[in-house]
């Protein structure tokens, strides 16, 4: 029996999402004497099988293979290699994300313009900029 957090990690989804599934009845659980939800691995099987039928870029499978959960999928719009480093720009929805990686990583991944790729973001610092004057 899995806790909701364990099940969420196994599926590669957020804890709030699995709680919604439980509360809406989309995912059956067993309650402990203390009223806590527990989930059998067999009840997760249909979700995993459905996910395996998706295209690799849409599947949550890759989230289960990487510890970072902030993964943004987009198209490579430019690659500039200079010496040991490379600048890779991804178009993600209506914005661009730029990453500086090693030139050898670009070669190993065989990245080229037009490829679908994911930016994996792991940071301890987030800055906020005010875009409007305070009222």
Protein backbone atom coordinates (compact mmCIF):
# COMPACT_ATOMS: atom_id res chain seq x y z
CA UNK A 1 0.00 0.00 0.00
CA UNK A 2 1.31 3.42 -0.97
CA UNK A 3 0.71 6.83 0.55
CA UNK A 4 -0.66 9.46 -1.85
CA UNK A 5 2.78 11.13 -1.97
CA UNK A 6 4.46 7.83 -2.88
CA UNK A 7 1.86 7.16 -5.56
CA UNK A 8 2.29 10.67 -6.98
CA UNK A 9 6.06 10.13 -7.22
CA UNK A 10 5.55 6.78 -8.91
CA UNK A 11 3.21 8.32 -11.51
CA UNK A 12 5.36 11.43 -11.97
CA UNK A 13 2.55 13.80 -10.97
CA UNK A 14 2.06 16.33 -8.20
CA UNK A 15 0.64 15.55 -4.78
CA UNK A 16 -2.30 17.99 -5.31
CA UNK A 17 -3.21 16.19 -8.54
CA UNK A 18 -3.39 12.78 -6.88
CA UNK A 19 -5.43 14.26 -4.04
CA UNK A 20 -7.90 15.63 -6.62
CA UNK A 21 -8.14 12.19 -8.21
CA UNK A 22 -8.83 10.62 -4.82
CA UNK A 23 -11.45 13.20 -3.80
CA UNK A 24 -13.21 13.04 -7.19
CA UNK A 25 -13.31 9.22 -7.09
CA UNK A 26 -11.06 8.81 -10.15
CA UNK A 27 -8.60 6.83 -8.02
CA UNK A 28 -9.83 4.27 -5.51
CA UNK A 29 -8.16 4.11 -2.12
CA UNK A 30 -8.39 2.21 1.13
CA UNK A 31 -8.65 4.22 4.33
CA UNK A 32 -6.56 3.37 7.37
CA UNK A 33 -8.18 3.28 10.83
CA UNK A 34 -6.83 6.83 11.23
CA UNK A 35 -8.64 7.98 8.06
CA UNK A 36 -5.58 8.23 5.83
CA UNK A 37 -5.77 7.18 2.18
CA UNK A 38 -3.65 4.27 0.94
CA UNK A 39 -3.34 3.21 -2.69
CA UNK A 40 -2.59 -0.23 -4.09
CA UNK A 41 0.03 -0.47 -6.82
CA UNK A 42 -2.46 -2.41 -8.94
CA UNK A 43 -4.86 0.57 -8.92
CA UNK A 44 -2.10 2.70 -10.48
CA UNK A 45 -1.51 0.25 -13.34
CA UNK A 46 -4.17 1.74 -15.69
CA UNK A 47 -2.64 5.21 -15.26
CA UNK A 48 0.85 3.90 -16.04
CA UNK A 49 -0.37 1.92 -19.07
CA UNK A 50 -2.26 4.94 -20.46
CA UNK A 51 0.86 7.07 -20.05
CA UNK A 52 3.04 4.51 -21.87
CA UNK A 53 0.82 4.88 -24.95
CA UNK A 54 1.62 8.60 -25.27
CA UNK A 55 4.39 10.03 -27.44
CA UNK A 56 7.73 10.29 -25.56
CA UNK A 57 7.53 14.10 -25.36
CA UNK A 58 4.07 13.93 -23.75
CA UNK A 59 4.63 10.95 -21.48
CA UNK A 60 5.34 11.35 -17.77
CA UNK A 61 7.82 8.42 -18.07
CA UNK A 62 10.78 10.75 -18.39
CA UNK A 63 9.70 12.57 -15.22
CA UNK A 64 10.01 9.29 -13.37
CA UNK A 65 13.61 8.89 -14.60
CA UNK A 66 14.82 12.35 -13.49
CA UNK A 67 14.66 13.82 -10.01
CA UNK A 68 13.85 17.38 -11.13
CA UNK A 69 10.18 18.09 -11.69
CA UNK A 70 10.50 21.51 -13.31
CA UNK A 71 10.71 20.26 -16.88
CA UNK A 72 9.60 22.53 -19.71
CA UNK A 73 9.20 20.98 -23.16
CA UNK A 74 9.84 23.06 -26.27
CA UNK A 75 11.52 23.27 -29.66
CA UNK A 76 15.20 24.08 -30.17
CA UNK A 77 15.26 27.41 -32.03
CA UNK A 78 19.00 27.99 -32.01
CA UNK A 79 22.30 26.43 -31.02
CA UNK A 80 25.54 28.38 -30.92
CA UNK A 81 28.74 26.49 -30.13
CA UNK A 82 31.89 28.39 -29.18
CA UNK A 83 34.84 26.47 -27.81
CA UNK A 84 33.86 24.25 -24.90
CA UNK A 85 30.41 25.79 -24.39
CA UNK A 86 27.15 25.95 -26.29
CA UNK A 87 24.13 28.24 -26.02
CA UNK A 88 20.88 26.36 -26.61
CA UNK A 89 17.62 28.30 -26.93
CA UNK A 90 14.26 26.54 -26.57
CA UNK A 91 10.93 28.06 -27.57
CA UNK A 92 8.43 27.09 -24.89
CA UNK A 93 4.90 28.33 -25.49
CA UNK A 94 5.30 32.08 -25.93
CA UNK A 95 8.76 32.50 -24.39
CA UNK A 96 12.37 31.41 -24.87
CA UNK A 97 14.55 29.60 -22.35
CA UNK A 98 18.32 29.78 -22.83
CA UNK A 99 20.76 27.24 -21.42
CA UNK A 100 24.54 27.26 -21.47
CA UNK A 101 25.79 23.67 -21.62
CA UNK A 102 28.98 22.01 -22.77
CA UNK A 103 29.63 21.66 -26.48
CA UNK A 104 30.23 17.94 -25.91
CA UNK A 105 26.73 17.62 -24.39
CA UNK A 106 25.24 19.13 -27.57
CA UNK A 107 27.18 16.57 -29.63
CA UNK A 108 26.26 13.64 -27.36
CA UNK A 109 22.56 14.59 -27.46
CA UNK A 110 22.84 15.18 -31.22
CA UNK A 111 20.82 18.38 -30.73
CA UNK A 112 19.86 20.40 -33.76
CA UNK A 113 17.48 23.23 -34.57
CA UNK A 114 13.88 22.00 -34.69
CA UNK A 115 14.36 19.14 -32.20
CA UNK A 116 11.94 18.71 -29.30
CA UNK A 117 13.81 18.99 -26.01
CA UNK A 118 13.13 19.72 -22.36
CA UNK A 119 14.69 22.32 -20.12
CA UNK A 120 15.19 20.85 -16.65
CA UNK A 121 15.24 23.69 -14.13
CA UNK A 122 16.76 23.24 -10.69
CA UNK A 123 17.51 26.37 -8.76
CA UNK A 124 17.67 27.57 -5.19
CA UNK A 125 17.31 31.24 -6.17
CA UNK A 126 14.31 32.85 -7.81
CA UNK A 127 14.21 36.58 -8.44
CA UNK A 128 11.05 38.63 -8.90
CA UNK A 129 10.88 41.84 -10.91
CA UNK A 130 7.94 44.23 -10.56
CA UNK A 131 6.56 44.91 -14.02
CA UNK A 132 3.99 47.53 -12.99
CA UNK A 133 4.16 50.50 -10.64
CA UNK A 134 2.50 49.87 -7.27
CA UNK A 135 -0.91 51.52 -6.92
